[in-house]
Amino acid sequence: MTDLDGGDMTPPVAEAVGPTAHVLHDDLVRHLQHLQVERRLAERTRTMYRLAFERLQRCAEAAAVPLREVQPHHVRRWAGQLHAQGLAPGSIAIQLSAWRSFYRWLGRNGLVAQNPVAGVRAPRAPKPLPKALAVDQAVALAEFKDDITERRHSAALAARDQCITELLYGCGLRVAELVALDAQPGAQAIGWIDIADAAAHVRGKGDKPRSVPVGGPALKALHAWLSMRGQLAVPDELALFVSNRGSRITTGQVRARLKRRAQQAGLPTHVHPHMLRHSFASHLLQSSGDLRAVQELLGHANITTTQVYTKLDFGHLSKVYDAAHPRAKRKD
């Protein structure tokens, strides 16, 4: 869905016509004609404009203010009322965008001195917290023994998928960092794993290098995969992880295999690679409380990005408080 000032809208909406449609002010009608004839907007886009204009007209009528005399304080109050009525921030933004275009058109035609919507912004939509697995779920997924029955190389594929899972959860790698890993370090290598040093060396966002410790279970899974990698990899393939065709595995293939693995392991939620990165960060923060260390391990340039995991961890802290603090216990 694009901004109403910029063109088409994705969601189809039925045209608001007929006896139940609101009778629009002449200025609004002419602007809709302008949108159709001169800007050639799609019908569903014009429908969204019309619905927004009906709401604008109802607000102006309720405030007993002519449309051409609407001021910024009116618009701010109406936007606040829409928010109080439960309209989502994104929907309020669409209303304001339509209203803004109307008053811009009036201004170009010399009918208003200023655009009263110009400086009004919709409320910020809350950012959803990243979803993380519970510790027991993440461990169950990592330790799951896949009984896949592909026609060829089923044992090698199972070893590869387990190693991928261990590295995503055990190291907090991004899926792009994981698929970029090479089997051996080299001049052209973007990332590799130093088994002797138990460290994964990767390049994250902004081509920023970082090193992450690799735990015992992940190293064990890596050894198992490397012993079978030759069954899948084509000659001279540099990638650590390859598909069943022998070339470097893609991020989409990793997502598909992880989704399937989670289903086979009986997890009650859809699992994707970044969820394991979230789980890595959340579980590490729960155990250590060291936000700066988690920031370094994740490769975040700004610690405010990492601080979202303190919100994730609040549920865990609340349970600890309820179970342990004497003043948390309520009377029967």
Protein backbone atom coordinates (compact mmCIF):
# COMPACT_ATOMS: atom_id res chain seq x y z
CA MET A 1 0.00 0.00 0.00
CA THR A 2 1.47 3.37 -0.98
CA ASP A 3 0.83 6.79 0.50
CA LEU A 4 -2.37 8.31 -0.74
CA ASP A 5 -0.39 11.26 -2.03
CA GLY A 6 1.66 8.95 -4.17
CA GLY A 7 -0.75 6.74 -6.04
CA ASP A 8 -2.50 3.42 -5.89
CA MET A 9 -3.72 1.64 -2.79
CA THR A 10 -3.51 -2.11 -2.49
CA PRO A 11 -6.61 -3.13 -0.47
CA PRO A 12 -9.71 -3.22 -2.68
CA VAL A 13 -12.65 -1.34 -1.19
CA ALA A 14 -16.17 -1.21 -2.57
CA GLU A 15 -17.16 2.18 -4.07
CA ALA A 16 -19.22 4.18 -1.60
CA VAL A 17 -22.10 5.14 -3.83
CA GLY A 18 -25.86 4.92 -3.69
CA PRO A 19 -28.47 6.29 -1.33
CA THR A 20 -26.40 5.56 1.80
CA ALA A 21 -23.36 7.52 0.57
CA HIS A 22 -22.60 10.80 2.30
CA VAL A 23 -23.40 13.86 0.15
CA LEU A 24 -20.05 15.58 -0.22
CA HIS A 25 -19.32 19.28 -0.26
CA ASP A 26 -18.78 20.73 -3.73
CA ASP A 27 -15.05 21.29 -3.07
CA LEU A 28 -14.61 17.61 -2.20
CA VAL A 29 -16.56 16.51 -5.26
CA ARG A 30 -14.40 18.67 -7.54
CA HIS A 31 -11.24 17.31 -5.95
CA LEU A 32 -12.40 13.75 -6.54
CA GLN A 33 -13.01 14.67 -10.18
CA HIS A 34 -9.48 16.09 -10.32
CA LEU A 35 -8.13 12.80 -8.95
CA GLN A 36 -10.00 10.84 -11.59
CA VAL A 37 -9.47 13.03 -14.67
CA GLU A 38 -6.11 14.69 -14.11
CA ARG A 39 -4.26 12.33 -11.77
CA ARG A 40 -5.97 9.24 -13.19
CA LEU A 41 -6.01 7.40 -9.87
CA ALA A 42 -7.46 3.91 -9.76
CA GLU A 43 -11.06 3.45 -8.71
CA ARG A 44 -10.20 1.73 -5.45
CA THR A 45 -7.81 4.56 -4.60
CA ARG A 46 -10.51 7.15 -5.26
CA THR A 47 -12.83 5.13 -3.03
CA MET A 48 -10.34 5.39 -0.18
CA TYR A 49 -10.16 9.15 -0.75
CA ARG A 50 -13.94 9.46 -0.77
CA LEU A 51 -14.28 7.58 2.53
CA ALA A 52 -11.61 9.80 4.06
CA PHE A 53 -13.36 12.92 2.74
CA GLU A 54 -16.69 11.78 4.20
CA ARG A 55 -15.00 11.49 7.57
CA LEU A 56 -13.42 14.94 7.17
CA GLN A 57 -16.77 16.48 6.32
CA ARG A 58 -18.47 14.82 9.32
CA CYS A 59 -15.74 16.16 11.61
CA ALA A 60 -16.08 19.67 10.20
CA GLU A 61 -19.87 19.58 10.48
CA ALA A 62 -19.69 18.39 14.10
CA ALA A 63 -17.32 21.27 14.88
CA ALA A 64 -19.48 23.72 12.92
CA VAL A 65 -16.48 24.90 10.91
CA PRO A 66 -16.53 25.35 7.09
CA LEU A 67 -14.06 23.14 5.24
CA ARG A 68 -12.13 26.13 3.90
CA GLU A 69 -11.71 27.50 7.44
CA VAL A 70 -10.31 24.35 9.07
CA GLN A 71 -7.20 25.09 11.15
CA PRO A 72 -4.33 22.85 12.32
CA HIS A 73 -5.78 22.62 15.84
CA HIS A 74 -8.99 21.21 14.36
CA VAL A 75 -7.10 18.52 12.47
CA ARG A 76 -4.99 17.60 15.50
CA ARG A 77 -8.14 17.27 17.62
CA TRP A 78 -9.87 15.11 15.01
CA ALA A 79 -6.82 12.88 14.65
CA GLY A 80 -6.77 12.49 18.43
CA GLN A 81 -10.46 11.59 18.43
CA LEU A 82 -9.90 8.94 15.76
CA HIS A 83 -7.08 7.49 17.86
CA ALA A 84 -9.30 7.50 20.97
CA GLN A 85 -12.00 5.67 19.00
CA GLY A 86 -9.54 2.84 18.34
CA LEU A 87 -8.55 3.62 14.76
CA ALA A 88 -5.10 2.19 14.07
CA PRO A 89 -2.20 4.62 13.54
CA GLY A 90 -1.80 3.39 9.97
CA SER A 91 -5.45 4.09 9.21
CA ILE A 92 -5.20 7.56 10.73
CA ALA A 93 -2.17 8.21 8.53
CA ILE A 94 -4.26 7.33 5.47
CA GLN A 95 -6.99 9.76 6.54
CA LEU A 96 -4.49 12.55 7.08
CA SER A 97 -2.81 11.84 3.75
CA ALA A 98 -6.12 12.21 1.92
CA TRP A 99 -7.01 15.38 3.83
CA ARG A 100 -3.56 16.81 3.15
CA SER A 101 -3.93 16.25 -0.59
CA PHE A 102 -7.33 17.97 -0.56
CA TYR A 103 -6.04 21.12 1.14
CA ARG A 104 -2.95 21.15 -1.07
CA TRP A 105 -5.28 21.20 -4.07
CA LEU A 106 -7.35 23.98 -2.51
CA GLY A 107 -4.17 25.97 -1.94
CA ARG A 108 -3.03 25.58 -5.53
CA ASN A 109 -6.40 26.97 -6.61
CA GLY A 110 -6.13 29.92 -4.25
CA LEU A 111 -9.05 28.79 -2.07
CA VAL A 112 -7.14 28.48 1.24
CA ALA A 113 -4.13 30.37 2.60
CA GLN A 114 -2.49 27.39 4.29
CA ASN A 115 -2.70 23.62 4.43
CA PRO A 116 -3.99 22.83 7.95
CA VAL A 117 -2.86 19.21 7.68
CA ALA A 118 0.71 20.00 6.62
CA GLY A 119 2.28 19.67 10.06
CA VAL A 120 -0.03 17.02 11.53
CA ARG A 121 1.26 13.47 11.83
CA ALA A 122 -0.49 10.28 12.83
CA PRO A 123 0.39 8.59 16.13
CA ARG A 124 3.34 6.25 15.88
CA ALA A 125 2.44 2.63 15.49
CA PRO A 126 3.96 0.53 18.27
CA LYS A 127 6.78 -1.69 17.08
CA PRO A 128 5.99 -5.34 17.75
CA LEU A 129 8.43 -7.10 20.02
CA PRO A 130 10.55 -9.78 18.34
CA LYS A 131 9.23 -13.26 18.90
CA ALA A 132 11.50 -15.70 20.71
CA LEU A 133 11.13 -19.35 21.57
CA ALA A 134 11.05 -20.55 25.14
CA VAL A 135 14.34 -22.09 26.25
CA ASP A 136 12.97 -25.63 26.26
CA GLN A 137 11.51 -25.15 22.78
CA ALA A 138 14.79 -23.84 21.37
CA VAL A 139 16.76 -26.70 22.91
CA ALA A 140 14.22 -29.26 21.66
CA LEU A 141 14.51 -27.85 18.14
CA ALA A 142 18.30 -27.89 18.22
CA GLU A 143 18.44 -31.46 19.57
CA PHE A 144 15.69 -32.85 17.36
CA LYS A 145 16.75 -35.93 15.40
CA ASP A 146 15.25 -35.65 11.96
CA ASP A 147 13.93 -38.87 10.48
CA ILE A 148 13.64 -37.44 6.95
CA THR A 149 13.38 -39.97 4.15
CA GLU A 150 14.54 -38.11 1.05
CA ARG A 151 15.50 -40.41 -1.79
CA ARG A 152 19.18 -39.55 -1.50
CA HIS A 153 21.55 -38.42 1.21
CA SER A 154 18.95 -38.30 3.98
CA ALA A 155 21.60 -38.64 6.70
CA ALA A 156 23.68 -35.83 5.22
CA LEU A 157 20.66 -33.53 4.95
CA ALA A 158 19.70 -34.27 8.54
CA ALA A 159 23.24 -33.50 9.71
CA ARG A 160 23.27 -30.27 7.70
CA ASP A 161 19.91 -29.09 9.08
CA GLN A 162 20.92 -29.83 12.67
CA CYS A 163 24.17 -27.92 12.21
CA ILE A 164 22.31 -24.97 10.70
CA THR A 165 19.91 -24.93 13.66
CA GLU A 166 22.73 -25.13 16.20
CA LEU A 167 24.60 -22.22 14.61
CA LEU A 168 21.53 -20.00 14.26
CA TYR A 169 20.52 -20.52 17.89
CA GLY A 170 23.95 -21.07 19.44
CA CYS A 171 25.68 -18.12 17.72
CA GLY A 172 22.83 -15.74 16.95
CA LEU A 173 23.81 -15.53 13.29
CA ARG A 174 21.66 -13.80 10.71
CA VAL A 175 20.52 -16.18 7.99
CA ALA A 176 22.48 -14.19 5.38
CA GLU A 177 25.63 -14.55 7.52
CA LEU A 178 25.05 -18.27 7.82
CA VAL A 179 24.63 -18.98 4.10
CA ALA A 180 27.71 -16.86 3.34
CA LEU A 181 29.97 -19.10 5.46
CA ASP A 182 32.68 -20.95 3.53
CA ALA A 183 33.98 -24.35 4.46
CA GLN A 184 37.54 -23.01 4.70
CA PRO A 185 39.02 -19.54 5.28
CA GLY A 186 40.39 -17.86 2.18
CA ALA A 187 41.13 -14.55 0.54
CA GLN A 188 37.62 -14.32 -0.86
CA ALA A 189 35.80 -15.77 2.15
CA ILE A 190 33.07 -13.59 3.63
CA GLY A 191 32.76 -15.83 6.67
CA TRP A 192 34.08 -19.08 8.04
CA ILE A 193 34.31 -21.09 11.26
CA ASP A 194 37.63 -21.62 13.00
CA ILE A 195 37.09 -25.01 14.60
CA ALA A 196 40.34 -24.95 16.55
CA ASP A 197 39.48 -21.56 18.04
CA ALA A 198 35.75 -22.38 18.37
CA ALA A 199 34.76 -19.11 16.72
CA ALA A 200 32.60 -18.06 13.79
CA HIS A 201 33.95 -15.12 11.80
CA VAL A 202 31.24 -13.32 9.81
CA ARG A 203 30.49 -10.02 8.12
CA GLY A 204 27.20 -8.48 9.14
CA LYS A 205 25.28 -5.42 8.08
CA GLY A 206 27.43 -2.66 6.67
CA ASP A 207 30.14 -5.24 5.94
CA LYS A 208 31.09 -5.05 9.63
CA PRO A 209 33.18 -8.05 10.76
CA ARG A 210 32.59 -9.78 14.06
CA SER A 211 33.55 -13.01 15.76
CA VAL A 212 31.16 -15.14 17.78
CA PRO A 213 32.01 -18.09 20.05
CA VAL A 214 30.78 -21.48 18.88
CA GLY A 215 29.59 -23.76 21.68
CA GLY A 216 30.21 -27.46 22.15
CA PRO A 217 26.90 -28.73 20.71
CA ALA A 218 27.34 -26.58 17.60
CA LEU A 219 30.93 -27.81 17.12
CA LYS A 220 29.75 -31.40 17.46
CA ALA A 221 27.04 -30.81 14.87
CA LEU A 222 29.58 -29.09 12.61
CA HIS A 223 31.94 -32.08 12.75
CA ALA A 224 29.05 -34.41 11.88
CA TRP A 225 28.05 -32.25 8.92
CA LEU A 226 31.59 -31.85 7.59
CA SER A 227 32.04 -35.61 7.61
CA MET A 228 29.07 -35.89 5.21
CA ARG A 229 29.32 -32.62 3.28
CA GLY A 230 31.22 -34.33 0.46
CA GLN A 231 28.14 -36.41 -0.33
CA LEU A 232 26.29 -33.26 -1.41
CA ALA A 233 28.82 -30.59 -2.39
CA VAL A 234 29.91 -30.38 -6.01
CA PRO A 235 33.69 -30.25 -6.66
CA ASP A 236 35.36 -26.93 -5.80
CA GLU A 237 32.24 -25.62 -4.00
CA LEU A 238 33.42 -23.22 -1.29
CA ALA A 239 30.17 -22.91 0.67
CA LEU A 240 29.96 -24.53 4.08
CA PHE A 241 26.28 -25.30 3.62
CA VAL A 242 25.04 -26.64 0.31
CA SER A 243 21.68 -27.70 -1.04
CA ASN A 244 20.90 -31.19 -2.29
CA ARG A 245 22.08 -29.97 -5.70
CA GLY A 246 25.54 -29.37 -4.32
CA SER A 247 25.74 -25.56 -4.58
CA ARG A 248 25.54 -22.91 -1.85
CA ILE A 249 22.25 -23.08 0.01
CA THR A 250 19.96 -20.04 -0.23
CA THR A 251 18.26 -18.12 2.56
CA GLY A 252 14.88 -19.27 1.25
CA GLN A 253 15.94 -22.91 1.45
CA VAL A 254 17.14 -22.42 5.02
CA ARG A 255 13.79 -20.91 5.97
CA ALA A 256 11.89 -23.78 4.38
CA ARG A 257 14.03 -26.46 6.06
CA LEU A 258 13.81 -24.77 9.46
CA LYS A 259 10.04 -24.43 9.16
CA ARG A 260 9.78 -28.12 8.32
CA ARG A 261 12.12 -29.10 11.16
CA ALA A 262 10.07 -27.12 13.68
CA GLN A 263 6.89 -28.81 12.50
CA GLN A 264 8.50 -32.23 12.75
CA ALA A 265 9.74 -31.39 16.25
CA GLY A 266 6.19 -30.53 17.30
CA LEU A 267 6.75 -26.85 18.09
CA PRO A 268 3.42 -25.00 18.34
CA THR A 269 4.59 -21.94 16.42
CA HIS A 270 6.03 -21.01 13.05
CA VAL A 271 9.81 -20.83 13.35
CA HIS A 272 12.02 -18.77 11.06
CA PRO A 273 15.78 -18.12 11.21
CA HIS A 274 15.55 -14.68 12.78
CA MET A 275 13.41 -16.12 15.58
CA LEU A 276 16.41 -18.23 16.59
CA ARG A 277 18.56 -15.08 16.62
CA HIS A 278 15.97 -13.43 18.86
CA SER A 279 15.96 -16.51 21.08
CA PHE A 280 19.76 -16.47 21.30
CA ALA A 281 19.72 -12.84 22.45
CA SER A 282 16.82 -13.18 24.86
CA HIS A 283 18.09 -16.33 26.54
CA LEU A 284 21.61 -14.93 26.84
CA LEU A 285 20.30 -11.75 28.40
CA GLN A 286 18.14 -13.71 30.83
CA SER A 287 21.18 -15.62 32.06
CA SER A 288 23.83 -12.90 32.05
CA GLY A 289 22.05 -9.56 32.22
CA ASP A 290 24.99 -8.16 30.22
CA LEU A 291 23.37 -5.98 27.57
CA ARG A 292 26.68 -4.71 26.17
CA ALA A 293 27.97 -8.24 25.58
CA VAL A 294 24.75 -9.22 23.83
CA GLN A 295 25.11 -6.14 21.63
CA GLU A 296 28.62 -7.20 20.59
CA LEU A 297 27.58 -10.78 19.91
CA LEU A 298 24.65 -9.65 17.75
CA GLY A 299 26.73 -7.08 15.90
CA HIS A 300 24.38 -4.19 16.65
CA ALA A 301 25.92 -0.79 15.90
CA ASN A 302 23.66 0.92 18.43
CA ILE A 303 22.79 -0.47 21.85
CA THR A 304 19.25 0.91 21.56
CA THR A 305 18.65 -1.83 18.97
CA THR A 306 19.67 -4.43 21.55
CA GLN A 307 17.56 -2.88 24.30
CA VAL A 308 14.40 -4.34 22.76
CA TYR A 309 15.42 -7.63 24.36
CA THR A 310 15.13 -6.09 27.81
CA LYS A 311 11.43 -5.71 27.07
CA LEU A 312 11.26 -9.31 25.91
CA ASP A 313 12.94 -10.36 29.13
CA PHE A 314 10.42 -8.53 31.34
CA GLY A 315 8.02 -11.49 31.21
CA HIS A 316 10.73 -13.76 32.55
CA LEU A 317 11.65 -11.26 35.26
CA SER A 318 8.02 -10.90 36.27
CA LYS A 319 7.72 -14.65 36.78
CA VAL A 320 10.89 -14.68 38.90
CA TYR A 321 9.56 -11.80 40.99
CA ASP A 322 6.16 -13.43 41.48
CA ALA A 323 7.78 -16.68 42.55
CA ALA A 324 10.50 -15.32 44.81
CA HIS A 325 9.67 -11.92 46.28
CA PRO A 326 7.72 -12.03 49.58
CA ARG A 327 5.77 -8.88 48.74
CA ALA A 328 4.66 -10.25 45.39
CA LYS A 329 2.41 -12.87 46.95
CA ARG A 330 -1.21 -11.93 47.11
CA LYS A 331 -3.59 -12.88 49.86
CA ASP A 332 -5.98 -15.70 49.16
